[in-house]
Amino acid sequence: MPFVRPARLLRWFTSPFYGQERSYWRAVAACFLAASTFWLLNALNKTYTTRITYPVVWQYDARRYVPLSPLPTEVAVNVTGRGWKLLRKNLMIDVKPAEVRLGRLPATRFVTGTALRPALQASMEGLQFNYILTDTLWVQFDLRVQRRLPLALSPAANGSALPYAARFTPESVLFEGPASTVDRLSNPYPVHLPQAPAGSSNGDISVPIGGPALVRANVEAVRVRLQPRPLITQVVAVVPELHDFPADSQFTFALAPSVVQVQVQCFPEDTARLDLGQLHVLLQYQPFTGPSIRMQPIVSQVPAFARGVSSLTHSVRVSKIPKP
């Protein structure tokens, strides 16, 4: 049988372990533990050349500059050292990070491996630094600036102002962050109201400030008290424009009514600046199924400073009239 000889060898090897007392097994375990310990100590006393990642810290004036992206925290290097030192590094026990000093900010955009070498050599105690595996580390900084901005309600979804004013506590917010971002913040800074029931427009609510990434505000939220604003309403008669109607020499088009009544709302302070001549209404062509058809007027252009525009004329009858 092909398996008889291997089975006999296995039985011969394991036969000394059968029927032994518990003290025997404790002795065997102690022997294995001692052998493993001696092997590990011997291996840790040897010298190895290997690739590791070494921690780095960046030295710069954090009061004047801010990084636009996270700075690298480790760099790949090739080192030579005893196993004990390599083990302590992997366990991060008493490891001194390499301190890399950055100058000429914010113009500096990268740090070469040659510039990192002195900092790595100075920090690697007990390890021989051979070479760096990372060719270039990229960094990007900007000036840290502060800017205080007054607050205002953000416009509605359609871009129009909300029909109420607001009182903010505090009245302004101090923003701090990269100059390229802080300088682009709107003045006044818009506060976006959360979705709330219609009956809560006179309440006192807390609204988060928010803001772009890397920009911090001196407060996380502001208290907003909403107050209704009066609106001036005007009704304007506008002659609708025919849009995409075919040029037919056999017919003319008659409108009933001939003008469309449009309601325009604005705040009192915008009345003098409201140019009603900018208001345009059109009738979009649809195929005729008979001599006439009803079309819905569409407000195609809204005057600047208008806070609400709606057509009071729901439909216009357009009739084809043969030319004489």
C-alpha atoms as a PDB file:
ATOM      1  CA  MET A   1       0.000   0.000   0.000  1.00  0.00           C
ATOM      2  CA  PRO A   2       1.423   3.396  -0.939  1.00  0.00           C
ATOM      3  CA  PHE A   3       0.365   5.046   2.346  1.00  0.00           C
ATOM      4  CA  VAL A   4       1.676   2.393   4.760  1.00  0.00           C
ATOM      5  CA  ARG A   5       5.241   3.694   4.992  1.00  0.00           C
ATOM      6  CA  PRO A   6       4.287   7.390   5.586  1.00  0.00           C
ATOM      7  CA  ALA A   7       1.749   6.249   8.206  1.00  0.00           C
ATOM      8  CA  ARG A   8       4.422   4.229  10.020  1.00  0.00           C
ATOM      9  CA  LEU A   9       6.812   7.184   9.979  1.00  0.00           C
ATOM     10  CA  LEU A  10       4.138   9.479  11.424  1.00  0.00           C
ATOM     11  CA  ARG A  11       3.266   6.972  14.152  1.00  0.00           C
ATOM     12  CA  TRP A  12       6.965   6.559  14.977  1.00  0.00           C
ATOM     13  CA  PHE A  13       7.350  10.324  15.317  1.00  0.00           C
ATOM     14  CA  THR A  14       4.271  10.852  17.497  1.00  0.00           C
ATOM     15  CA  SER A  15       4.511   7.694  19.650  1.00  0.00           C
ATOM     16  CA  PRO A  16       6.676   9.380  22.325  1.00  0.00           C
ATOM     17  CA  PHE A  17       3.888  11.910  22.951  1.00  0.00           C
ATOM     18  CA  TYR A  18       1.133   9.378  23.728  1.00  0.00           C
ATOM     19  CA  GLY A  19       0.254   8.649  27.340  1.00  0.00           C
ATOM     20  CA  GLN A  20       2.455  11.401  28.815  1.00  0.00           C
ATOM     21  CA  GLU A  21       1.527  13.321  31.945  1.00  0.00           C
ATOM     22  CA  ARG A  22       0.607  17.004  32.077  1.00  0.00           C
ATOM     23  CA  SER A  23       3.995  17.979  33.465  1.00  0.00           C
ATOM     24  CA  TYR A  24       5.602  16.505  30.386  1.00  0.00           C
ATOM     25  CA  TRP A  25       3.615  18.777  28.097  1.00  0.00           C
ATOM     26  CA  ARG A  26       4.468  21.823  30.176  1.00  0.00           C
ATOM     27  CA  ALA A  27       8.134  20.985  29.724  1.00  0.00           C
ATOM     28  CA  VAL A  28       7.688  20.570  25.972  1.00  0.00           C
ATOM     29  CA  ALA A  29       5.860  23.929  25.749  1.00  0.00           C
ATOM     30  CA  ALA A  30       8.617  25.608  27.782  1.00  0.00           C
ATOM     31  CA  CYS A  31      11.251  24.229  25.433  1.00  0.00           C
ATOM     32  CA  PHE A  32       9.420  25.512  22.366  1.00  0.00           C
ATOM     33  CA  LEU A  33       8.926  28.924  24.001  1.00  0.00           C
ATOM     34  CA  ALA A  34      12.592  29.183  24.929  1.00  0.00           C
ATOM     35  CA  ALA A  35      13.682  28.154  21.431  1.00  0.00           C
ATOM     36  CA  SER A  36      11.342  30.695  19.842  1.00  0.00           C
ATOM     37  CA  THR A  37      12.600  33.424  22.166  1.00  0.00           C
ATOM     38  CA  PHE A  38      16.239  32.714  21.354  1.00  0.00           C
ATOM     39  CA  TRP A  39      15.425  32.652  17.635  1.00  0.00           C
ATOM     40  CA  LEU A  40      13.613  35.999  17.857  1.00  0.00           C
ATOM     41  CA  LEU A  41      16.411  37.615  19.871  1.00  0.00           C
ATOM     42  CA  ASN A  42      18.965  36.352  17.396  1.00  0.00           C
ATOM     43  CA  ALA A  43      16.927  37.663  14.440  1.00  0.00           C
ATOM     44  CA  LEU A  44      16.470  41.100  16.059  1.00  0.00           C
ATOM     45  CA  ASN A  45      20.226  41.414  16.614  1.00  0.00           C
ATOM     46  CA  LYS A  46      20.929  41.086  12.890  1.00  0.00           C
ATOM     47  CA  THR A  47      21.259  44.029  10.491  1.00  0.00           C
ATOM     48  CA  TYR A  48      18.708  44.535   7.714  1.00  0.00           C
ATOM     49  CA  THR A  49      18.293  46.858   4.766  1.00  0.00           C
ATOM     50  CA  THR A  50      14.634  47.507   4.016  1.00  0.00           C
ATOM     51  CA  ARG A  51      12.005  50.006   2.898  1.00  0.00           C
ATOM     52  CA  ILE A  52      10.036  51.837   5.600  1.00  0.00           C
ATOM     53  CA  THR A  53       7.780  54.869   5.860  1.00  0.00           C
ATOM     54  CA  TYR A  54       9.135  57.538   8.182  1.00  0.00           C
ATOM     55  CA  PRO A  55       6.976  60.239   9.808  1.00  0.00           C
ATOM     56  CA  VAL A  56       7.541  63.890   8.939  1.00  0.00           C
ATOM     57  CA  VAL A  57       6.265  67.101  10.535  1.00  0.00           C
ATOM     58  CA  TRP A  58       6.169  70.463   8.793  1.00  0.00           C
ATOM     59  CA  GLN A  59       7.475  73.652  10.340  1.00  0.00           C
ATOM     60  CA  TYR A  60       5.917  76.881   9.039  1.00  0.00           C
ATOM     61  CA  ASP A  61       4.237  80.003  10.363  1.00  0.00           C
ATOM     62  CA  ALA A  62       0.697  78.689  10.926  1.00  0.00           C
ATOM     63  CA  ARG A  63      -0.481  82.168  11.944  1.00  0.00           C
ATOM     64  CA  ARG A  64       0.244  83.564   8.475  1.00  0.00           C
ATOM     65  CA  TYR A  65      -0.234  80.606   6.137  1.00  0.00           C
ATOM     66  CA  VAL A  66      -2.731  77.791   5.705  1.00  0.00           C
ATOM     67  CA  PRO A  67      -2.289  74.602   3.603  1.00  0.00           C
ATOM     68  CA  LEU A  68      -4.868  74.211   0.832  1.00  0.00           C
ATOM     69  CA  SER A  69      -4.553  70.404   0.903  1.00  0.00           C
ATOM     70  CA  PRO A  70      -3.473  67.943   3.633  1.00  0.00           C
ATOM     71  CA  LEU A  71       0.291  67.821   4.067  1.00  0.00           C
ATOM     72  CA  PRO A  72       2.042  64.434   3.712  1.00  0.00           C
ATOM     73  CA  THR A  73       2.619  62.801   7.092  1.00  0.00           C
ATOM     74  CA  GLU A  74       5.045  60.043   5.967  1.00  0.00           C
ATOM     75  CA  VAL A  75       7.739  59.574   3.385  1.00  0.00           C
ATOM     76  CA  ALA A  76       9.063  56.292   1.951  1.00  0.00           C
ATOM     77  CA  VAL A  77      12.796  55.724   2.558  1.00  0.00           C
ATOM     78  CA  ASN A  78      15.379  52.933   2.388  1.00  0.00           C
ATOM     79  CA  VAL A  79      17.329  52.383   5.625  1.00  0.00           C
ATOM     80  CA  THR A  80      19.758  49.967   7.227  1.00  0.00           C
ATOM     81  CA  GLY A  81      19.561  49.064  10.896  1.00  0.00           C
ATOM     82  CA  ARG A  82      19.298  46.361  13.509  1.00  0.00           C
ATOM     83  CA  GLY A  83      16.052  44.498  13.883  1.00  0.00           C
ATOM     84  CA  TRP A  84      15.463  46.101  17.293  1.00  0.00           C
ATOM     85  CA  LYS A  85      15.480  49.603  15.820  1.00  0.00           C
ATOM     86  CA  LEU A  86      13.256  48.610  12.911  1.00  0.00           C
ATOM     87  CA  LEU A  87      10.791  46.958  15.288  1.00  0.00           C
ATOM     88  CA  ARG A  88      10.621  50.068  17.486  1.00  0.00           C
ATOM     89  CA  LYS A  89       9.975  52.190  14.416  1.00  0.00           C
ATOM     90  CA  ASN A  90       7.137  49.942  13.227  1.00  0.00           C
ATOM     91  CA  LEU A  91       5.617  50.061  16.725  1.00  0.00           C
ATOM     92  CA  MET A  92       6.134  53.868  16.796  1.00  0.00           C
ATOM     93  CA  ILE A  93       8.033  53.637  20.094  1.00  0.00           C
ATOM     94  CA  ASP A  94      10.260  56.653  20.763  1.00  0.00           C
ATOM     95  CA  VAL A  95      10.360  57.676  17.078  1.00  0.00           C
ATOM     96  CA  LYS A  96      11.490  61.232  16.392  1.00  0.00           C
ATOM     97  CA  PRO A  97       9.724  62.595  13.256  1.00  0.00           C
ATOM     98  CA  ALA A  98      11.752  64.428  10.653  1.00  0.00           C
ATOM     99  CA  GLU A  99      11.149  68.174  10.933  1.00  0.00           C
ATOM    100  CA  VAL A 100      10.931  69.818   7.514  1.00  0.00           C
ATOM    101  CA  ARG A 101      11.031  73.609   7.554  1.00  0.00           C
ATOM    102  CA  LEU A 102       9.164  75.401   4.774  1.00  0.00           C
ATOM    103  CA  GLY A 103      10.259  78.813   3.573  1.00  0.00           C
ATOM    104  CA  ARG A 104       9.233  81.241   0.839  1.00  0.00           C
ATOM    105  CA  LEU A 105       5.546  80.602   1.398  1.00  0.00           C
ATOM    106  CA  PRO A 106       3.132  80.713  -0.330  1.00  0.00           C
ATOM    107  CA  ALA A 107       5.365  80.510  -3.430  1.00  0.00           C
ATOM    108  CA  THR A 108       6.739  77.060  -2.524  1.00  0.00           C
ATOM    109  CA  ARG A 109       4.809  74.373  -4.392  1.00  0.00           C
ATOM    110  CA  PHE A 110       6.959  71.272  -3.780  1.00  0.00           C
ATOM    111  CA  VAL A 111       9.780  69.834  -1.665  1.00  0.00           C
ATOM    112  CA  THR A 112      12.372  67.655  -3.397  1.00  0.00           C
ATOM    113  CA  GLY A 113      13.929  64.504  -2.003  1.00  0.00           C
ATOM    114  CA  THR A 114      17.285  66.305  -1.786  1.00  0.00           C
ATOM    115  CA  ALA A 115      15.770  68.932   0.518  1.00  0.00           C
ATOM    116  CA  LEU A 116      14.264  66.223   2.757  1.00  0.00           C
ATOM    117  CA  ARG A 117      17.529  64.297   3.179  1.00  0.00           C
ATOM    118  CA  PRO A 118      19.146  66.433   5.948  1.00  0.00           C
ATOM    119  CA  ALA A 119      15.994  66.351   8.109  1.00  0.00           C
ATOM    120  CA  LEU A 120      15.682  62.578   7.728  1.00  0.00           C
ATOM    121  CA  GLN A 121      19.340  61.933   8.547  1.00  0.00           C
ATOM    122  CA  ALA A 122      19.146  64.118  11.664  1.00  0.00           C
ATOM    123  CA  SER A 123      16.074  62.375  13.061  1.00  0.00           C
ATOM    124  CA  MET A 124      16.946  58.698  12.416  1.00  0.00           C
ATOM    125  CA  GLU A 125      18.732  57.669  15.592  1.00  0.00           C
ATOM    126  CA  GLY A 126      20.140  54.151  15.318  1.00  0.00           C
ATOM    127  CA  LEU A 127      19.191  53.828  11.638  1.00  0.00           C
ATOM    128  CA  GLN A 128      21.379  54.434   8.623  1.00  0.00           C
ATOM    129  CA  PHE A 129      19.531  56.466   6.016  1.00  0.00           C
ATOM    130  CA  ASN A 130      20.337  55.230   2.501  1.00  0.00           C
ATOM    131  CA  TYR A 131      18.065  57.073   0.095  1.00  0.00           C
ATOM    132  CA  ILE A 132      14.571  58.450  -0.259  1.00  0.00           C
ATOM    133  CA  LEU A 133      12.065  56.630  -2.449  1.00  0.00           C
ATOM    134  CA  THR A 134       9.763  59.620  -2.877  1.00  0.00           C
ATOM    135  CA  ASP A 135      11.089  62.006  -5.478  1.00  0.00           C
ATOM    136  CA  THR A 136       8.890  65.035  -4.723  1.00  0.00           C
ATOM    137  CA  LEU A 137       6.337  66.020  -2.086  1.00  0.00           C
ATOM    138  CA  TRP A 138       3.734  68.519  -3.316  1.00  0.00           C
ATOM    139  CA  VAL A 139       2.444  71.274  -1.046  1.00  0.00           C
ATOM    140  CA  GLN A 140       0.188  74.266  -1.599  1.00  0.00           C
ATOM    141  CA  PHE A 141      -0.252  77.203   0.787  1.00  0.00           C
ATOM    142  CA  ASP A 142      -2.098  80.486   0.855  1.00  0.00           C
ATOM    143  CA  LEU A 143      -2.077  83.513   3.130  1.00  0.00           C
ATOM    144  CA  ARG A 144      -4.293  83.220   6.200  1.00  0.00           C
ATOM    145  CA  VAL A 145      -6.576  86.257   6.337  1.00  0.00           C
ATOM    146  CA  GLN A 146      -9.559  87.436   8.357  1.00  0.00           C
ATOM    147  CA  ARG A 147     -12.593  89.263   7.029  1.00  0.00           C
ATOM    148  CA  ARG A 148     -15.666  90.491   8.892  1.00  0.00           C
ATOM    149  CA  LEU A 149     -18.852  90.512   6.821  1.00  0.00           C
ATOM    150  CA  PRO A 150     -22.376  91.720   7.516  1.00  0.00           C
ATOM    151  CA  LEU A 151     -25.198  89.240   7.070  1.00  0.00           C
ATOM    152  CA  ALA A 152     -28.212  89.207   4.752  1.00  0.00           C
ATOM    153  CA  LEU A 153     -30.893  86.718   3.842  1.00  0.00           C
ATOM    154  CA  SER A 154     -30.105  84.524   0.869  1.00  0.00           C
ATOM    155  CA  PRO A 155     -32.456  85.096  -2.089  1.00  0.00           C
ATOM    156  CA  ALA A 156     -35.226  82.647  -2.842  1.00  0.00           C
ATOM    157  CA  ALA A 157     -34.677  79.733  -5.216  1.00  0.00           C
ATOM    158  CA  ASN A 158     -35.747  81.852  -8.214  1.00  0.00           C
ATOM    159  CA  GLY A 159     -33.280  84.588  -7.306  1.00  0.00           C
ATOM    160  CA  SER A 160     -35.842  87.068  -5.922  1.00  0.00           C
ATOM    161  CA  ALA A 161     -35.612  88.587  -2.481  1.00  0.00           C
ATOM    162  CA  LEU A 162     -37.661  87.075   0.313  1.00  0.00           C
ATOM    163  CA  PRO A 163     -40.811  88.956   1.383  1.00  0.00           C
ATOM    164  CA  TYR A 164     -39.454  89.645   4.861  1.00  0.00           C
ATOM    165  CA  ALA A 165     -36.505  91.347   6.475  1.00  0.00           C
ATOM    166  CA  ALA A 166     -34.267  89.849   9.117  1.00  0.00           C
ATOM    167  CA  ARG A 167     -32.410  90.921  12.223  1.00  0.00           C
ATOM    168  CA  PHE A 168     -29.294  88.892  12.972  1.00  0.00           C
ATOM    169  CA  THR A 169     -27.570  88.211  16.275  1.00  0.00           C
ATOM    170  CA  PRO A 170     -24.645  88.781  15.905  1.00  0.00           C
ATOM    171  CA  GLU A 171     -24.995  91.285  13.057  1.00  0.00           C
ATOM    172  CA  SER A 172     -21.679  90.276  11.441  1.00  0.00           C
ATOM    173  CA  VAL A 173     -19.414  87.235  11.342  1.00  0.00           C
ATOM    174  CA  LEU A 174     -15.613  87.030  11.272  1.00  0.00           C
ATOM    175  CA  PHE A 175     -14.301  84.561   8.682  1.00  0.00           C
ATOM    176  CA  GLU A 176     -10.748  83.186   8.671  1.00  0.00           C
ATOM    177  CA  GLY A 177      -9.061  81.059   6.031  1.00  0.00           C
ATOM    178  CA  PRO A 178      -7.124  81.126   2.741  1.00  0.00           C
ATOM    179  CA  ALA A 179      -7.085  84.535   1.098  1.00  0.00           C
ATOM    180  CA  SER A 180      -8.110  83.117  -2.291  1.00  0.00           C
ATOM    181  CA  THR A 181     -11.332  81.774  -0.742  1.00  0.00           C
ATOM    182  CA  VAL A 182     -12.127  84.412   1.873  1.00  0.00           C
ATOM    183  CA  ASP A 183     -11.760  87.264  -0.637  1.00  0.00           C
ATOM    184  CA  ARG A 184     -14.449  85.658  -2.826  1.00  0.00           C
ATOM    185  CA  LEU A 185     -17.079  85.541  -0.068  1.00  0.00           C
ATOM    186  CA  SER A 186     -20.166  87.617  -0.841  1.00  0.00           C
ATOM    187  CA  ASN A 187     -20.625  90.937   0.905  1.00  0.00           C
ATOM    188  CA  PRO A 188     -23.062  90.827   2.646  1.00  0.00           C
ATOM    189  CA  TYR A 189     -22.708  87.140   3.437  1.00  0.00           C
ATOM    190  CA  PRO A 190     -25.913  85.216   2.563  1.00  0.00           C
ATOM    191  CA  VAL A 191     -27.657  83.242   5.304  1.00  0.00           C
ATOM    192  CA  HIS A 192     -29.765  80.378   3.951  1.00  0.00           C
ATOM    193  CA  LEU A 193     -33.017  79.888   5.822  1.00  0.00           C
ATOM    194  CA  PRO A 194     -34.117  76.313   6.472  1.00  0.00           C
ATOM    195  CA  GLN A 195     -37.452  75.032   5.207  1.00  0.00           C
ATOM    196  CA  ALA A 196     -40.009  76.187   7.754  1.00  0.00           C
ATOM    197  CA  PRO A 197     -43.799  76.348   8.036  1.00  0.00           C
ATOM    198  CA  ALA A 198     -45.457  79.493   6.712  1.00  0.00           C
ATOM    199  CA  GLY A 199     -46.566  80.494  10.204  1.00  0.00           C
ATOM    200  CA  SER A 200     -42.990  80.649  11.528  1.00  0.00           C
ATOM    201  CA  SER A 201     -41.918  83.716   9.523  1.00  0.00           C
ATOM    202  CA  ASN A 202     -42.130  85.933  12.634  1.00  0.00           C
ATOM    203  CA  GLY A 203     -40.155  83.555  14.855  1.00  0.00           C
ATOM    204  CA  ASP A 204     -36.650  83.613  16.225  1.00  0.00           C
ATOM    205  CA  ILE A 205     -34.673  80.722  14.707  1.00  0.00           C
ATOM    206  CA  SER A 206     -31.084  79.483  14.761  1.00  0.00           C
ATOM    207  CA  VAL A 207     -29.438  79.139  11.341  1.00  0.00           C
ATOM    208  CA  PRO A 208     -26.001  77.530  10.706  1.00  0.00           C
ATOM    209  CA  ILE A 209     -23.474  79.808   9.048  1.00  0.00           C
ATOM    210  CA  GLY A 210     -21.761  77.138   6.957  1.00  0.00           C
ATOM    211  CA  GLY A 211     -19.124  78.266   4.501  1.00  0.00           C
ATOM    212  CA  PRO A 212     -16.509  76.923   2.081  1.00  0.00           C
ATOM    213  CA  ALA A 213     -13.933  74.309   3.016  1.00  0.00           C
ATOM    214  CA  LEU A 214     -10.896  75.559   5.007  1.00  0.00           C
ATOM    215  CA  VAL A 215     -12.827  78.684   6.075  1.00  0.00           C
ATOM    216  CA  ARG A 216     -13.787  79.035   9.731  1.00  0.00           C
ATOM    217  CA  ALA A 217     -16.316  81.425  11.236  1.00  0.00           C
ATOM    218  CA  ASN A 218     -16.128  82.807  14.757  1.00  0.00           C
ATOM    219  CA  VAL A 219     -19.664  81.456  15.364  1.00  0.00           C
ATOM    220  CA  GLU A 220     -21.301  78.245  14.186  1.00  0.00           C
ATOM    221  CA  ALA A 221     -24.845  79.673  13.975  1.00  0.00           C
ATOM    222  CA  VAL A 222     -26.696  82.992  14.208  1.00  0.00           C
ATOM    223  CA  ARG A 223     -30.093  83.878  15.602  1.00  0.00           C
ATOM    224  CA  VAL A 224     -32.466  85.237  12.971  1.00  0.00           C
ATOM    225  CA  ARG A 225     -35.676  87.144  13.703  1.00  0.00           C
ATOM    226  CA  LEU A 226     -37.848  87.493  10.627  1.00  0.00           C
ATOM    227  CA  GLN A 227     -40.048  90.524  10.005  1.00  0.00           C
ATOM    228  CA  PRO A 228     -42.545  90.882   7.124  1.00  0.00           C
ATOM    229  CA  ARG A 229     -41.657  93.403   4.432  1.00  0.00           C
ATOM    230  CA  PRO A 230     -44.346  95.393   2.610  1.00  0.00           C
ATOM    231  CA  LEU A 231     -44.617  94.952  -1.166  1.00  0.00           C
ATOM    232  CA  ILE A 232     -45.896  97.448  -3.718  1.00  0.00           C
ATOM    233  CA  THR A 233     -48.171  95.814  -6.292  1.00  0.00           C
ATOM    234  CA  GLN A 234     -48.749  97.216  -9.791  1.00  0.00           C
ATOM    235  CA  VAL A 235     -50.921  95.843 -12.589  1.00  0.00           C
ATOM    236  CA  VAL A 236     -49.462  96.440 -16.050  1.00  0.00           C
ATOM    237  CA  ALA A 237     -51.129  95.942 -19.445  1.00  0.00           C
ATOM    238  CA  VAL A 238     -48.699  94.278 -21.862  1.00  0.00           C
ATOM    239  CA  VAL A 239     -49.215  93.491 -25.546  1.00  0.00           C
ATOM    240  CA  PRO A 240     -48.152  89.851 -25.994  1.00  0.00           C
ATOM    241  CA  GLU A 241     -45.572  88.939 -28.624  1.00  0.00           C
ATOM    242  CA  LEU A 242     -46.232  86.119 -31.099  1.00  0.00           C
ATOM    243  CA  HIS A 243     -43.405  83.592 -30.944  1.00  0.00           C
ATOM    244  CA  ASP A 244     -42.634  81.026 -33.683  1.00  0.00           C
ATOM    245  CA  PHE A 245     -45.830  81.871 -35.579  1.00  0.00           C
ATOM    246  CA  PRO A 246     -45.488  81.026 -39.299  1.00  0.00           C
ATOM    247  CA  ALA A 247     -45.355  83.864 -41.761  1.00  0.00           C
ATOM    248  CA  ASP A 248     -48.652  83.141 -43.593  1.00  0.00           C
ATOM    249  CA  SER A 249     -49.688  85.711 -46.163  1.00  0.00           C
ATOM    250  CA  GLN A 250     -53.252  84.361 -46.304  1.00  0.00           C
ATOM    251  CA  PHE A 251     -54.149  84.929 -42.642  1.00  0.00           C
ATOM    252  CA  THR A 252     -53.762  87.447 -39.869  1.00  0.00           C
ATOM    253  CA  PHE A 253     -53.966  86.637 -36.166  1.00  0.00           C
ATOM    254  CA  ALA A 254     -56.438  88.357 -33.866  1.00  0.00           C
ATOM    255  CA  LEU A 255     -56.041  88.291 -30.064  1.00  0.00           C
ATOM    256  CA  ALA A 256     -58.827  88.400 -27.525  1.00  0.00           C
ATOM    257  CA  PRO A 257     -58.058  90.095 -25.237  1.00  0.00           C
ATOM    258  CA  SER A 258     -55.471  92.110 -27.106  1.00  0.00           C
ATOM    259  CA  VAL A 259     -53.470  92.914 -23.970  1.00  0.00           C
ATOM    260  CA  VAL A 260     -52.437  90.780 -21.004  1.00  0.00           C
ATOM    261  CA  GLN A 261     -52.754  91.979 -17.406  1.00  0.00           C
ATOM    262  CA  VAL A 262     -49.550  91.274 -15.458  1.00  0.00           C
ATOM    263  CA  GLN A 263     -49.078  91.821 -11.729  1.00  0.00           C
ATOM    264  CA  VAL A 264     -45.650  93.117 -10.700  1.00  0.00           C
ATOM    265  CA  GLN A 265     -44.474  93.383  -7.086  1.00  0.00           C
ATOM    266  CA  CYS A 266     -41.467  95.204  -5.695  1.00  0.00           C
ATOM    267  CA  PHE A 267     -40.221  96.599  -2.439  1.00  0.00           C
ATOM    268  CA  PRO A 268     -40.955 100.289  -1.783  1.00  0.00           C
ATOM    269  CA  GLU A 269     -37.299 101.318  -2.097  1.00  0.00           C
ATOM    270  CA  ASP A 270     -37.132  99.732  -5.573  1.00  0.00           C
ATOM    271  CA  THR A 271     -40.189 101.495  -7.052  1.00  0.00           C
ATOM    272  CA  ALA A 272     -38.194 104.302  -8.681  1.00  0.00           C
ATOM    273  CA  ARG A 273     -35.723 101.830 -10.219  1.00  0.00           C
ATOM    274  CA  LEU A 274     -38.354  99.436 -11.594  1.00  0.00           C
ATOM    275  CA  ASP A 275     -38.383  99.661 -15.422  1.00  0.00           C
ATOM    276  CA  LEU A 276     -41.701  98.231 -16.590  1.00  0.00           C
ATOM    277  CA  GLY A 277     -40.521  98.519 -20.186  1.00  0.00           C
ATOM    278  CA  GLN A 278     -38.388  95.434 -19.558  1.00  0.00           C
ATOM    279  CA  LEU A 279     -41.519  93.322 -18.991  1.00  0.00           C
ATOM    280  CA  HIS A 280     -42.256  91.026 -21.957  1.00  0.00           C
ATOM    281  CA  VAL A 281     -45.009  88.451 -22.475  1.00  0.00           C
ATOM    282  CA  LEU A 282     -45.149  85.975 -25.369  1.00  0.00           C
ATOM    283  CA  LEU A 283     -47.559  83.489 -26.883  1.00  0.00           C
ATOM    284  CA  GLN A 284     -45.845  80.292 -28.007  1.00  0.00           C
ATOM    285  CA  TYR A 285     -47.208  78.952 -31.318  1.00  0.00           C
ATOM    286  CA  GLN A 286     -49.246  75.749 -31.262  1.00  0.00           C
ATOM    287  CA  PRO A 287     -50.846  73.985 -34.250  1.00  0.00           C
ATOM    288  CA  PHE A 288     -54.368  75.162 -34.930  1.00  0.00           C
ATOM    289  CA  THR A 289     -57.116  72.503 -34.869  1.00  0.00           C
ATOM    290  CA  GLY A 290     -59.755  75.018 -35.931  1.00  0.00           C
ATOM    291  CA  PRO A 291     -60.160  78.686 -36.703  1.00  0.00           C
ATOM    292  CA  SER A 292     -59.002  79.646 -33.175  1.00  0.00           C
ATOM    293  CA  ILE A 293     -57.074  78.302 -30.227  1.00  0.00           C
ATOM    294  CA  ARG A 294     -56.472  79.361 -26.621  1.00  0.00           C
ATOM    295  CA  MET A 295     -52.890  79.944 -25.542  1.00  0.00           C
ATOM    296  CA  GLN A 296     -51.412  80.600 -22.130  1.00  0.00           C
ATOM    297  CA  PRO A 297     -49.348  83.800 -21.934  1.00  0.00           C
ATOM    298  CA  ILE A 298     -45.775  83.317 -20.760  1.00  0.00           C
ATOM    299  CA  VAL A 299     -43.747  86.020 -18.980  1.00  0.00           C
ATOM    300  CA  SER A 300     -40.477  85.816 -20.902  1.00  0.00           C
ATOM    301  CA  GLN A 301     -38.579  88.750 -19.367  1.00  0.00           C
ATOM    302  CA  VAL A 302     -38.853  90.202 -15.881  1.00  0.00           C
ATOM    303  CA  PRO A 303     -37.735  93.733 -14.941  1.00  0.00           C
ATOM    304  CA  ALA A 304     -34.798  94.151 -12.628  1.00  0.00           C
ATOM    305  CA  PHE A 305     -35.784  94.725  -8.967  1.00  0.00           C
ATOM    306  CA  ALA A 306     -39.131  92.945  -9.476  1.00  0.00           C
ATOM    307  CA  ARG A 307     -39.824  90.647  -6.500  1.00  0.00           C
ATOM    308  CA  GLY A 308     -42.799  88.838  -7.947  1.00  0.00           C
ATOM    309  CA  VAL A 309     -44.390  88.682 -11.405  1.00  0.00           C
ATOM    310  CA  SER A 310     -47.516  86.765 -12.394  1.00  0.00           C
ATOM    311  CA  SER A 311     -49.968  86.925 -15.266  1.00  0.00           C
ATOM    312  CA  LEU A 312     -53.546  87.756 -14.270  1.00  0.00           C
ATOM    313  CA  THR A 313     -54.786  86.819 -17.743  1.00  0.00           C
ATOM    314  CA  HIS A 314     -54.926  83.037 -17.801  1.00  0.00           C
ATOM    315  CA  SER A 315     -55.440  82.559 -21.552  1.00  0.00           C
ATOM    316  CA  VAL A 316     -55.689  84.444 -24.821  1.00  0.00           C
ATOM    317  CA  ARG A 317     -57.828  83.363 -27.759  1.00  0.00           C
ATOM    318  CA  VAL A 318     -55.856  83.526 -31.014  1.00  0.00           C
ATOM    319  CA  SER A 319     -57.976  83.448 -34.176  1.00  0.00           C
ATOM    320  CA  LYS A 320     -57.016  83.059 -37.821  1.00  0.00           C
ATOM    321  CA  ILE A 321     -58.652  85.707 -39.963  1.00  0.00           C
ATOM    322  CA  PRO A 322     -58.379  85.428 -43.765  1.00  0.00           C
ATOM    323  CA  LYS A 323     -56.956  88.479 -45.440  1.00  0.00           C
ATOM    324  CA  PRO A 324     -59.303  90.278 -47.832  1.00  0.00           C
END
